[in-house]
Each structure stands twice: as C-alpha cells, then as structure tokens.
C-alpha atoms as a PDB file:
ATOM      1  CA  UNK A   1       4.161 262.950 114.348  1.00  0.00           C
ATOM      2  CA  UNK A   2       2.919 261.969 117.573  1.00  0.00           C
ATOM      3  CA  UNK A   3       3.123 264.180 120.720  1.00  0.00           C
ATOM      4  CA  UNK A   4       5.655 261.936 122.287  1.00  0.00           C
ATOM      5  CA  UNK A   5       7.806 262.172 119.235  1.00  0.00           C
ATOM      6  CA  UNK A   6       7.575 266.265 119.346  1.00  0.00           C
ATOM      7  CA  UNK A   7       8.412 266.171 122.773  1.00  0.00           C
ATOM      8  CA  UNK A   8      11.573 264.277 122.097  1.00  0.00           C
ATOM      9  CA  UNK A   9      12.533 266.176 119.105  1.00  0.00           C
ATOM     10  CA  UNK A  10      12.197 269.358 121.574  1.00  0.00           C
ATOM     11  CA  UNK A  11      14.518 267.205 124.483  1.00  0.00           C
ATOM     12  CA  UNK A  12      17.305 266.639 122.030  1.00  0.00           C
ATOM     13  CA  UNK A  13      16.937 270.535 120.742  1.00  0.00           C
ATOM     14  CA  UNK A  14      17.406 271.722 124.136  1.00  0.00           C
ATOM     15  CA  UNK A  15      20.558 269.198 124.623  1.00  0.00           C
ATOM     16  CA  UNK A  16      22.257 270.346 121.605  1.00  0.00           C
ATOM     17  CA  UNK A  17      21.801 274.103 122.511  1.00  0.00           C
ATOM     18  CA  UNK A  18      23.433 273.475 125.784  1.00  0.00           C
ATOM     19  CA  UNK A  19      26.402 271.420 124.793  1.00  0.00           C
ATOM     20  CA  UNK A  20      26.882 272.875 120.862  1.00  0.00           C
ATOM     21  CA  UNK A  21      29.832 270.377 119.874  1.00  0.00           C
ATOM     22  CA  UNK A  22      28.979 267.272 120.964  1.00  0.00           C
ATOM     23  CA  UNK A  23      26.696 264.647 119.377  1.00  0.00           C
ATOM     24  CA  UNK A  24      23.321 264.940 120.944  1.00  0.00           C
ATOM     25  CA  UNK A  25      22.746 260.942 120.610  1.00  0.00           C
ATOM     26  CA  UNK A  26      25.935 259.992 122.438  1.00  0.00           C
ATOM     27  CA  UNK A  27      25.049 262.799 125.436  1.00  0.00           C
ATOM     28  CA  UNK A  28      21.486 260.669 125.972  1.00  0.00           C
ATOM     29  CA  UNK A  29      23.099 257.542 125.865  1.00  0.00           C
ATOM     30  CA  UNK A  30      25.896 258.399 128.772  1.00  0.00           C
ATOM     31  CA  UNK A  31      23.152 260.015 130.678  1.00  0.00           C
ATOM     32  CA  UNK A  32      20.794 256.577 130.381  1.00  0.00           C
ATOM     33  CA  UNK A  33      23.595 254.409 131.237  1.00  0.00           C
ATOM     34  CA  UNK A  34      24.599 256.705 134.475  1.00  0.00           C
ATOM     35  CA  UNK A  35      21.107 256.332 135.716  1.00  0.00           C
ATOM     36  CA  UNK A  36      20.684 252.969 134.794  1.00  0.00           C
ATOM     37  CA  UNK A  37      23.982 251.738 136.434  1.00  0.00           C
ATOM     38  CA  UNK A  38      24.553 254.788 138.666  1.00  0.00           C
ATOM     39  CA  UNK A  39      27.636 252.629 140.311  1.00  0.00           C
ATOM     40  CA  UNK A  40      30.300 253.205 137.615  1.00  0.00           C
ATOM     41  CA  UNK A  41      30.738 255.804 135.138  1.00  0.00           C
ATOM     42  CA  UNK A  42      29.912 254.063 131.494  1.00  0.00           C
ATOM     43  CA  UNK A  43      32.864 253.073 129.197  1.00  0.00           C
ATOM     44  CA  UNK A  44      32.941 255.533 126.916  1.00  0.00           C
ATOM     45  CA  UNK A  45      35.068 255.720 123.414  1.00  0.00           C
ATOM     46  CA  UNK A  46      35.634 259.780 122.067  1.00  0.00           C
ATOM     47  CA  UNK A  47      36.339 260.972 119.053  1.00  0.00           C
ATOM     48  CA  UNK A  48      37.408 264.457 119.579  1.00  0.00           C
ATOM     49  CA  UNK A  49      38.014 266.516 116.197  1.00  0.00           C
ATOM     50  CA  UNK A  50      40.197 269.331 116.867  1.00  0.00           C
ATOM     51  CA  UNK A  51      40.370 272.639 114.568  1.00  0.00           C
ATOM     52  CA  UNK A  52      42.739 272.472 111.563  1.00  0.00           C
ATOM     53  CA  UNK A  53      45.513 274.918 113.184  1.00  0.00           C
ATOM     54  CA  UNK A  54      45.690 272.671 116.613  1.00  0.00           C
ATOM     55  CA  UNK A  55      48.361 270.523 117.565  1.00  0.00           C
ATOM     56  CA  UNK A  56      46.376 266.996 118.585  1.00  0.00           C
ATOM     57  CA  UNK A  57      49.874 265.630 120.275  1.00  0.00           C
ATOM     58  CA  UNK A  58      49.878 268.809 122.521  1.00  0.00           C
ATOM     59  CA  UNK A  59      46.358 268.198 123.276  1.00  0.00           C
ATOM     60  CA  UNK A  60      46.859 264.459 123.714  1.00  0.00           C
ATOM     61  CA  UNK A  61      49.519 265.477 126.623  1.00  0.00           C
ATOM     62  CA  UNK A  62      47.428 267.998 127.928  1.00  0.00           C
ATOM     63  CA  UNK A  63      44.436 265.507 128.057  1.00  0.00           C
ATOM     64  CA  UNK A  64      46.339 262.707 129.679  1.00  0.00           C
ATOM     65  CA  UNK A  65      47.505 264.977 132.809  1.00  0.00           C
ATOM     66  CA  UNK A  66      43.850 266.505 133.286  1.00  0.00           C
ATOM     67  CA  UNK A  67      42.055 263.217 133.106  1.00  0.00           C
ATOM     68  CA  UNK A  68      44.268 260.552 132.745  1.00  0.00           C
ATOM     69  CA  UNK A  69      42.425 258.543 130.312  1.00  0.00           C
ATOM     70  CA  UNK A  70      44.396 256.595 127.253  1.00  0.00           C
ATOM     71  CA  UNK A  71      44.307 258.082 123.875  1.00  0.00           C
ATOM     72  CA  UNK A  72      45.318 257.544 119.818  1.00  0.00           C
ATOM     73  CA  UNK A  73      46.251 260.431 117.669  1.00  0.00           C
ATOM     74  CA  UNK A  74      44.968 261.061 114.519  1.00  0.00           C
ATOM     75  CA  UNK A  75      45.070 263.817 112.077  1.00  0.00           C
ATOM     76  CA  UNK A  76      43.266 266.541 113.838  1.00  0.00           C
ATOM     77  CA  UNK A  77      41.706 264.134 116.202  1.00  0.00           C
ATOM     78  CA  UNK A  78      42.051 262.360 119.125  1.00  0.00           C
ATOM     79  CA  UNK A  79      40.587 258.991 120.263  1.00  0.00           C
ATOM     80  CA  UNK A  80      40.077 258.566 123.822  1.00  0.00           C
ATOM     81  CA  UNK A  81      38.770 255.484 125.822  1.00  0.00           C
ATOM     82  CA  UNK A  82      37.572 255.390 129.455  1.00  0.00           C
ATOM     83  CA  UNK A  83      35.171 255.433 132.402  1.00  0.00           C
ATOM     84  CA  UNK A  84      33.777 258.865 131.505  1.00  0.00           C
ATOM     85  CA  UNK A  85      30.871 260.645 132.856  1.00  0.00           C
ATOM     86  CA  UNK A  86      28.159 263.254 131.742  1.00  0.00           C
ATOM     87  CA  UNK A  87      30.365 265.972 133.713  1.00  0.00           C
ATOM     88  CA  UNK A  88      33.343 264.912 132.008  1.00  0.00           C
ATOM     89  CA  UNK A  89      31.961 265.535 128.746  1.00  0.00           C
ATOM     90  CA  UNK A  90      30.788 268.650 129.527  1.00  0.00           C
ATOM     91  CA  UNK A  91      34.195 269.691 130.889  1.00  0.00           C
ATOM     92  CA  UNK A  92      35.954 268.702 127.662  1.00  0.00           C
ATOM     93  CA  UNK A  93      33.847 270.349 125.665  1.00  0.00           C
ATOM     94  CA  UNK A  94      34.615 273.873 127.054  1.00  0.00           C
ATOM     95  CA  UNK A  95      37.840 273.358 125.008  1.00  0.00           C
ATOM     96  CA  UNK A  96      37.580 276.056 122.010  1.00  0.00           C
ATOM     97  CA  UNK A  97      39.840 274.168 120.048  1.00  0.00           C
ATOM     98  CA  UNK A  98      37.311 271.177 119.758  1.00  0.00           C
ATOM     99  CA  UNK A  99      35.426 271.260 116.959  1.00  0.00           C
ATOM    100  CA  UNK A 100      33.328 268.555 117.420  1.00  0.00           C
ATOM    101  CA  UNK A 101      33.173 265.413 119.840  1.00  0.00           C
ATOM    102  CA  UNK A 102      31.212 261.893 118.778  1.00  0.00           C
ATOM    103  CA  UNK A 103      31.604 258.249 119.773  1.00  0.00           C
ATOM    104  CA  UNK A 104      30.051 255.723 121.647  1.00  0.00           C
ATOM    105  CA  UNK A 105      28.952 254.514 125.319  1.00  0.00           C
ATOM    106  CA  UNK A 106      28.673 250.935 126.645  1.00  0.00           C
ATOM    107  CA  UNK A 107      28.133 249.658 130.497  1.00  0.00           C
ATOM    108  CA  UNK A 108      31.483 249.479 131.685  1.00  0.00           C
ATOM    109  CA  UNK A 109      32.262 245.819 133.199  1.00  0.00           C
ATOM    110  CA  UNK A 110      32.857 245.895 136.944  1.00  0.00           C
END
C-alpha cells in the first residue's frame, strides 16, 4: 500500500470518528462539491435510518419544520432531497434517534 493510500485511509478514519453515524464517502463527496462549486450547496439525497422505536412520521414533520426539505417516508427511515451543506449534515447527525445516514450528492443545477 502506498503512503498516499495510507494517508487517505487515515483521513477517512478521522472523519468517521468525528461523525460516526454518517457514511464517510457521502461526507467526502459533499465537501468536494462545496469546494469545487462554492456558490451553491450540492443537491443531496439522504437516506436517514431511525432506530426501530422511533416514529418516522413525527421525524418527518420535525425535519420539514426545521430544514424545509422535501421528504418521503419509509419503514423506520426518511428520504430527504435538497441543497444540503456539510454543516446541515453535521446538525442532522446529532439527532440521537438516527441510526445511520447514507445517500448521494451531485452538483446542484443553477
């Protein structure tokens, strides 16, 4: 393994220790897009998995009131789409009812 690969693995490990319940590759992709296209937050589709004892309908209402993003309900999950920055992801991840967050990020259209 090259020194560069070792450093990259260490970088990913540090990120996963900082925000433990979010997919590291999603975080890296969002940060990359924010730096390449700094004028607008990337378009992100989040899949938020909640613990089994959590009512996702209540979370959907709270999410809409706080962030204003469109969302769709699933069983113990919420799918959210919008222009979402790394700061918002970090804020969302602090919810103790969240089991894991994954998703995709693409450049937002202007």
